[in-house]
Amino acid sequence: MAQDKISDLQIPQVDDRPLWDVIFGIYGYPALLLAHRLKIFSILAEKARTLPEICDALNLKQRPAEAMLTTATALGFLTLENGRYSLTAVTETYLLEDSPNYFGFFWDMMIDNYQIASIAGLEKAVLTDAPQAYGGGDIFKTHEEQIELLRRFTAGMHSISITSALVWPTLLDFSKHRIMLDIGGGSGAHSIGAVLKLPNLKQALILDFSQVCEVAEEYIVQFGVQDRVKTHAANIWQDHWPAADLHFFSNMYHDWMPDKCHFLTAKSFTGLESGGRIVIHEMLYDDDKTGPFTAAAYSMVMMGWTEGKQYTGQELTEMLDKIGFQDIHIHKAFGYHSIVTGVKP
């Protein structure tokens, strides 16, 4: 038998880089989270620095610092010229806390809950088909009960939403719509983006739990849009939705399985008058579910955090069509996101 294996041994027709890429992803990407947590990007915002200068400023040894800096440079978050590390445009835009597009609160949330992304955490999520965040169970009920967790979660969601919120309103003609209902709107990032980009929109209403609405009020004041953005505390499943002619859902459908998504779609259809529009903002699978990697990975994130999954554009289109929406279209939005939209006849 051993002799047979020796005789079969030959150089494969494909190399082993994809297997290494999995290992390197496990170790490489956390280097960026650590660089963020250790304030490497913050000190480089002050000025370009050499490796020894960075180590002195942060009390780090050169070996681990070099590994993190090289990873960040390889992934396009830093540049290295004449021995000095500098921030790139993407880092200045998204990883400095004074930036209006700051993404870092979401990274903080991932770091604080990293056990969910461990092999053991994801294996348990896969084998039980149940989320593991905050010890398992319904994360939204957990947020309702624990205000500090809710604040951190809302800050994380805001940091991944505020830039996208400025893009989707520019993709279609929304000039006919006057009142937007932001269902499960969290911080209100998308409501804020909508009123900033849509001058004909008289008001955006953030529909969420009362505790979330209290946090959203702070963001509304921060952006100075108190006259056009309001909150409406309610349970989206049980309570009546206020009148609106534009229903918006961002990263909501992926929290739930199809039966609950159908419920939300039907409730939206019932609540809208003729001519009212639904907009679903999500990262979409390819219709044949061969990718993309980002949507597949996001489904694994959902495996750890919620009971939901990512959907294809076709699946959401069929969902809207079955409920009765017409003029259904899919548009690429910002980054990996898309919108699926339909109109009530």
Protein backbone atom coordinates (compact mmCIF):
# COMPACT_ATOMS: atom_id res chain seq x y z
CA MET A 1 0.00 0.00 0.00
CA ALA A 2 2.78 2.44 0.93
CA GLN A 3 4.55 1.57 -2.33
CA ASP A 4 1.36 2.40 -4.26
CA LYS A 5 1.24 5.85 -2.65
CA ILE A 6 4.85 6.48 -3.58
CA SER A 7 4.25 5.50 -7.17
CA ASP A 8 1.19 7.83 -7.34
CA LEU A 9 3.10 10.80 -5.90
CA GLN A 10 3.46 13.66 -8.38
CA ILE A 11 3.20 17.43 -8.53
CA PRO A 12 -0.54 18.35 -8.58
CA GLN A 13 -2.01 20.35 -11.44
CA VAL A 14 -3.19 23.00 -8.94
CA ASP A 15 -1.08 24.55 -6.19
CA ASP A 16 -1.93 24.82 -2.51
CA ARG A 17 -2.29 28.60 -2.17
CA PRO A 18 -6.08 28.53 -1.49
CA LEU A 19 -5.44 26.30 1.52
CA TRP A 20 -2.77 28.67 2.84
CA ASP A 21 -5.09 31.61 2.23
CA VAL A 22 -7.56 30.15 4.73
CA ILE A 23 -4.83 29.90 7.39
CA PHE A 24 -3.43 33.32 6.60
CA GLY A 25 -6.92 34.83 6.78
CA ILE A 26 -7.35 33.45 10.31
CA TYR A 27 -4.14 35.15 11.46
CA GLY A 28 -3.79 38.03 9.03
CA TYR A 29 -7.09 39.85 9.33
CA PRO A 30 -7.07 39.94 13.16
CA ALA A 31 -3.77 41.85 12.83
CA LEU A 32 -5.84 44.77 11.50
CA LEU A 33 -8.25 44.54 14.43
CA LEU A 34 -5.30 44.58 16.82
CA ALA A 35 -3.68 47.52 15.03
CA HIS A 36 -6.98 49.34 15.47
CA ARG A 37 -7.32 48.42 19.14
CA LEU A 38 -3.70 49.32 19.92
CA LYS A 39 -4.18 52.78 18.34
CA ILE A 40 -1.56 52.35 15.61
CA PHE A 41 -3.75 54.23 13.14
CA SER A 42 -4.40 57.01 15.64
CA ILE A 43 -0.72 57.77 16.23
CA LEU A 44 0.00 57.66 12.50
CA ALA A 45 -2.72 60.27 12.02
CA GLU A 46 -0.42 62.67 13.85
CA LYS A 47 2.54 62.07 11.52
CA ALA A 48 4.36 59.36 9.54
CA ARG A 49 6.58 57.23 11.76
CA THR A 50 9.29 54.61 11.55
CA LEU A 51 8.93 51.17 13.10
CA PRO A 52 11.07 52.12 16.15
CA GLU A 53 9.06 55.31 16.63
CA ILE A 54 5.79 53.39 16.57
CA CYS A 55 7.17 50.88 19.07
CA ASP A 56 8.33 53.65 21.40
CA ALA A 57 5.00 55.46 21.19
CA LEU A 58 2.93 52.36 21.96
CA ASN A 59 5.39 50.41 24.12
CA LEU A 60 5.52 47.53 21.63
CA LYS A 61 8.32 45.17 20.68
CA GLN A 62 9.48 45.35 17.09
CA ARG A 63 8.66 41.76 16.10
CA PRO A 64 4.88 41.93 16.74
CA ALA A 65 4.67 45.55 15.59
CA GLU A 66 6.37 44.73 12.29
CA ALA A 67 3.99 41.82 11.68
CA MET A 68 0.92 44.03 12.20
CA LEU A 69 2.33 46.92 10.17
CA THR A 70 3.35 44.70 7.28
CA THR A 71 -0.10 43.10 7.22
CA ALA A 72 -1.79 46.51 7.28
CA THR A 73 0.48 47.69 4.46
CA ALA A 74 -0.13 44.56 2.37
CA LEU A 75 -3.89 45.04 2.73
CA GLY A 76 -3.80 48.69 1.72
CA PHE A 77 -4.36 50.34 5.09
CA LEU A 78 -0.82 51.78 5.33
CA THR A 79 1.98 52.79 2.99
CA LEU A 80 5.71 52.51 3.68
CA GLU A 81 8.04 55.04 2.09
CA ASN A 82 11.59 55.87 3.13
CA GLY A 83 11.16 53.74 6.22
CA ARG A 84 8.09 55.64 7.45
CA TYR A 85 4.55 54.30 7.73
CA SER A 86 1.64 56.53 6.69
CA LEU A 87 -2.12 56.15 6.51
CA THR A 88 -3.85 55.49 3.22
CA ALA A 89 -7.07 57.19 2.14
CA VAL A 90 -9.21 54.24 3.23
CA THR A 91 -7.75 54.35 6.75
CA GLU A 92 -8.13 58.12 7.02
CA THR A 93 -11.73 57.83 5.84
CA TYR A 94 -12.90 54.90 7.94
CA LEU A 95 -10.56 54.26 10.87
CA LEU A 96 -10.01 57.67 12.46
CA GLU A 97 -12.60 58.37 15.11
CA ASP A 98 -13.08 61.99 14.14
CA SER A 99 -14.12 60.97 10.61
CA PRO A 100 -17.87 61.21 9.88
CA ASN A 101 -17.47 57.87 8.05
CA TYR A 102 -15.84 56.11 11.01
CA PHE A 103 -16.18 52.30 10.74
CA GLY A 104 -14.23 51.49 13.89
CA PHE A 105 -17.15 50.97 16.25
CA PHE A 106 -18.14 47.91 14.22
CA TRP A 107 -14.58 46.60 14.49
CA ASP A 108 -14.80 47.19 18.24
CA MET A 109 -17.97 45.11 18.36
CA MET A 110 -16.26 42.29 16.47
CA ILE A 111 -13.28 42.40 18.85
CA ASP A 112 -15.48 42.46 21.96
CA ASN A 113 -17.41 39.42 20.71
CA TYR A 114 -14.57 37.58 18.98
CA GLN A 115 -15.41 34.29 20.70
CA ILE A 116 -18.40 34.07 18.37
CA ALA A 117 -16.03 34.02 15.38
CA SER A 118 -13.78 31.37 16.91
CA ILE A 119 -13.82 27.88 15.44
CA ALA A 120 -15.49 26.60 18.60
CA GLY A 121 -18.12 29.36 18.54
CA LEU A 122 -18.97 28.90 14.87
CA GLU A 123 -18.96 25.12 15.17
CA LYS A 124 -21.52 25.36 17.96
CA ALA A 125 -23.60 27.77 15.89
CA VAL A 126 -23.47 25.42 12.89
CA LEU A 127 -24.26 22.25 14.87
CA THR A 128 -27.09 23.83 16.84
CA ASP A 129 -28.31 26.16 14.07
CA ALA A 130 -28.60 28.83 16.75
CA PRO A 131 -26.82 32.16 17.33
CA GLN A 132 -24.13 32.35 19.99
CA ALA A 133 -23.79 36.10 20.58
CA TYR A 134 -24.14 37.17 24.21
CA GLY A 135 -24.36 33.51 25.24
CA GLY A 136 -26.98 32.54 22.67
CA GLY A 137 -30.65 33.39 22.30
CA ASP A 138 -32.32 36.47 20.88
CA ILE A 139 -29.78 39.30 20.67
CA PHE A 140 -32.56 41.86 20.24
CA LYS A 141 -34.21 40.82 23.49
CA THR A 142 -30.76 40.98 25.11
CA HIS A 143 -30.33 44.53 23.82
CA GLU A 144 -33.75 45.48 25.08
CA GLU A 145 -32.75 44.28 28.55
CA GLN A 146 -29.18 45.65 28.67
CA ILE A 147 -28.80 49.26 27.62
CA GLU A 148 -24.98 49.31 27.49
CA LEU A 149 -24.89 46.35 25.07
CA LEU A 150 -27.53 48.13 23.02
CA ARG A 151 -25.47 51.32 22.88
CA ARG A 152 -22.36 49.48 21.66
CA PHE A 153 -24.38 47.48 19.13
CA THR A 154 -26.11 50.61 17.83
CA ALA A 155 -22.77 52.43 17.53
CA GLY A 156 -21.40 49.47 15.56
CA MET A 157 -24.38 49.44 13.21
CA HIS A 158 -24.18 53.20 12.77
CA SER A 159 -20.52 53.03 11.78
CA ILE A 160 -21.20 50.56 8.96
CA SER A 161 -24.33 52.41 7.78
CA ILE A 162 -23.69 56.15 7.66
CA THR A 163 -21.68 56.11 4.42
CA SER A 164 -24.09 53.74 2.63
CA ALA A 165 -26.92 55.98 3.81
CA LEU A 166 -25.63 58.77 1.60
CA VAL A 167 -25.57 56.58 -1.54
CA TRP A 168 -28.80 54.59 -1.92
CA PRO A 169 -31.00 57.75 -1.99
CA THR A 170 -29.13 58.82 -5.14
CA LEU A 171 -29.83 55.62 -7.08
CA LEU A 172 -33.50 56.24 -7.91
CA ASP A 173 -35.92 59.11 -8.23
CA PHE A 174 -37.44 59.33 -4.76
CA SER A 175 -38.78 62.86 -5.28
CA LYS A 176 -42.43 61.73 -5.06
CA HIS A 177 -42.03 60.36 -1.54
CA ARG A 178 -42.71 62.52 1.49
CA ILE A 179 -42.48 60.28 4.58
CA MET A 180 -39.96 57.49 5.04
CA LEU A 181 -40.38 54.75 7.66
CA ASP A 182 -37.00 53.29 8.64
CA ILE A 183 -38.04 49.90 10.02
CA GLY A 184 -35.64 48.62 12.68
CA GLY A 185 -33.71 51.80 11.98
CA GLY A 186 -31.33 51.66 14.95
CA SER A 187 -29.24 54.82 15.14
CA GLY A 188 -31.21 56.34 12.28
CA ALA A 189 -28.17 56.51 10.00
CA HIS A 190 -30.27 55.80 6.92
CA SER A 191 -32.95 58.27 7.95
CA ILE A 192 -30.25 60.89 8.42
CA GLY A 193 -28.74 60.08 5.03
CA ALA A 194 -32.15 60.17 3.38
CA VAL A 195 -33.11 63.65 4.62
CA LEU A 196 -29.66 64.99 3.75
CA LYS A 197 -29.92 63.70 0.18
CA LEU A 198 -33.65 63.99 -0.53
CA PRO A 199 -34.87 67.58 -0.21
CA ASN A 200 -38.49 66.63 -0.99
CA LEU A 201 -38.61 64.13 1.87
CA LYS A 202 -40.51 65.94 4.61
CA GLN A 203 -39.84 63.45 7.38
CA ALA A 204 -38.08 60.20 8.22
CA LEU A 205 -39.39 58.09 11.10
CA ILE A 206 -37.12 55.62 12.89
CA LEU A 207 -39.22 52.64 14.00
CA ASP A 208 -37.55 50.60 16.74
CA PHE A 209 -37.73 49.56 20.40
CA SER A 210 -38.08 52.45 22.84
CA GLN A 211 -34.57 51.91 24.21
CA VAL A 212 -33.12 52.09 20.69
CA CYS A 213 -35.11 55.22 19.95
CA GLU A 214 -33.57 56.89 23.01
CA VAL A 215 -30.10 56.21 21.57
CA ALA A 216 -31.20 57.30 18.08
CA GLU A 217 -32.31 60.68 19.49
CA GLU A 218 -28.66 61.38 20.33
CA TYR A 219 -27.57 60.74 16.73
CA ILE A 220 -30.42 62.93 15.43
CA VAL A 221 -29.19 65.82 17.56
CA GLN A 222 -25.56 65.13 16.63
CA PHE A 223 -26.39 65.56 12.92
CA GLY A 224 -28.73 68.49 13.51
CA VAL A 225 -31.74 66.96 11.73
CA GLN A 226 -34.29 67.18 14.56
CA ASP A 227 -36.78 69.00 12.34
CA ARG A 228 -36.98 66.17 9.77
CA VAL A 229 -36.01 62.95 11.59
CA LYS A 230 -38.16 61.61 14.42
CA THR A 231 -38.39 58.36 16.34
CA HIS A 232 -41.41 56.11 16.79
CA ALA A 233 -41.08 53.51 19.54
CA ALA A 234 -42.85 50.27 18.69
CA ASN A 235 -42.49 46.52 18.31
CA ILE A 236 -42.19 46.03 14.56
CA TRP A 237 -43.84 42.60 14.75
CA GLN A 238 -46.81 43.36 17.00
CA ASP A 239 -47.56 47.07 16.75
CA HIS A 240 -49.15 49.21 14.05
CA TRP A 241 -46.71 51.06 11.77
CA PRO A 242 -47.22 54.80 11.29
CA ALA A 243 -48.23 56.06 7.85
CA ALA A 244 -45.44 56.50 5.29
CA ASP A 245 -45.03 56.24 1.52
CA LEU A 246 -41.47 54.88 1.62
CA HIS A 247 -40.56 51.81 3.69
CA PHE A 248 -36.86 51.19 4.20
CA PHE A 249 -35.13 48.09 5.59
CA SER A 250 -31.33 47.93 5.94
CA ASN A 251 -29.64 44.73 7.06
CA MET A 252 -32.99 43.63 8.45
CA TYR A 253 -34.01 40.80 6.16
CA HIS A 254 -30.76 38.96 6.82
CA ASP A 255 -31.67 38.78 10.52
CA TRP A 256 -34.55 36.43 9.79
CA MET A 257 -35.54 33.31 7.90
CA PRO A 258 -37.95 33.56 4.94
CA ASP A 259 -41.17 33.19 6.94
CA LYS A 260 -40.44 36.30 9.00
CA CYS A 261 -39.18 38.17 5.94
CA HIS A 262 -42.47 37.36 4.19
CA PHE A 263 -44.29 38.73 7.24
CA LEU A 264 -42.36 42.01 7.07
CA THR A 265 -42.94 42.25 3.32
CA ALA A 266 -46.68 41.68 3.71
CA LYS A 267 -46.92 44.18 6.57
CA SER A 268 -45.12 46.72 4.42
CA PHE A 269 -47.45 46.09 1.47
CA THR A 270 -50.53 46.43 3.68
CA GLY A 271 -49.26 49.64 5.26
CA LEU A 272 -48.33 51.42 2.03
CA GLU A 273 -50.81 53.32 -0.10
CA SER A 274 -50.82 52.87 -3.88
CA GLY A 275 -47.54 54.21 -5.27
CA GLY A 276 -45.69 53.56 -2.02
CA ARG A 277 -42.23 52.03 -2.33
CA ILE A 278 -40.29 49.40 -0.39
CA VAL A 279 -36.47 49.47 -0.34
CA ILE A 280 -34.44 46.52 1.00
CA HIS A 281 -30.74 47.27 1.52
CA GLU A 282 -28.58 44.13 1.81
CA MET A 283 -25.44 42.32 0.67
CA LEU A 284 -26.75 39.83 -1.88
CA TYR A 285 -25.71 36.36 -2.87
CA ASP A 286 -25.29 35.66 -6.57
CA ASP A 287 -28.52 34.10 -7.85
CA ASP A 288 -26.84 30.70 -8.28
CA LYS A 289 -25.26 30.97 -4.79
CA THR A 290 -21.75 30.32 -6.04
CA GLY A 291 -20.68 33.53 -4.29
CA PRO A 292 -19.64 36.15 -3.72
CA PHE A 293 -17.37 35.33 -0.82
CA THR A 294 -18.48 38.44 1.10
CA ALA A 295 -22.15 37.42 1.16
CA ALA A 296 -21.24 33.86 2.11
CA ALA A 297 -19.04 35.14 4.93
CA TYR A 298 -21.81 37.51 6.03
CA SER A 299 -24.12 34.51 6.32
CA MET A 300 -21.55 33.00 8.68
CA VAL A 301 -21.63 36.24 10.67
CA MET A 302 -25.40 35.84 10.86
CA MET A 303 -24.89 32.24 11.96
CA GLY A 304 -23.12 33.55 15.04
CA TRP A 305 -25.40 36.52 15.73
CA THR A 306 -28.97 35.89 14.55
CA GLU A 307 -31.31 33.29 13.17
CA GLY A 308 -31.02 34.70 9.64
CA LYS A 309 -28.95 34.51 6.46
CA GLN A 310 -28.13 36.47 3.30
CA TYR A 311 -30.47 36.29 0.31
CA THR A 312 -30.11 36.45 -3.44
CA GLY A 313 -31.60 39.29 -5.42
CA GLN A 314 -33.84 36.73 -7.07
CA GLU A 315 -35.12 35.44 -3.72
CA LEU A 316 -36.01 38.95 -2.54
CA THR A 317 -37.55 39.78 -5.93
CA GLU A 318 -39.76 36.69 -5.73
CA MET A 319 -40.70 37.59 -2.16
CA LEU A 320 -41.83 41.06 -3.20
CA ASP A 321 -43.61 39.75 -6.28
CA LYS A 322 -45.49 37.11 -4.30
CA ILE A 323 -46.82 39.73 -1.89
CA GLY A 324 -47.94 41.96 -4.78
CA PHE A 325 -45.22 44.57 -5.32
CA GLN A 326 -44.53 45.58 -8.92
CA ASP A 327 -41.80 47.42 -10.81
CA ILE A 328 -39.21 45.41 -8.87
CA HIS A 329 -35.57 46.26 -9.53
CA ILE A 330 -32.12 45.59 -8.10
CA HIS A 331 -29.46 48.32 -8.00
CA LYS A 332 -25.86 48.17 -6.86
CA ALA A 333 -25.36 50.55 -3.97
CA PHE A 334 -22.26 51.38 -1.93
CA GLY A 335 -19.45 48.84 -1.50
CA TYR A 336 -20.83 45.32 -1.28
CA HIS A 337 -24.43 46.45 -0.70
CA SER A 338 -27.36 46.52 -3.13
CA ILE A 339 -30.95 47.62 -2.90
CA VAL A 340 -34.01 45.66 -4.00
CA THR A 341 -37.03 47.89 -4.50
CA GLY A 342 -40.65 47.56 -5.52
CA VAL A 343 -43.80 49.68 -5.75
CA LYS A 344 -47.31 48.95 -4.49
CA PRO A 345 -49.72 49.22 -7.44
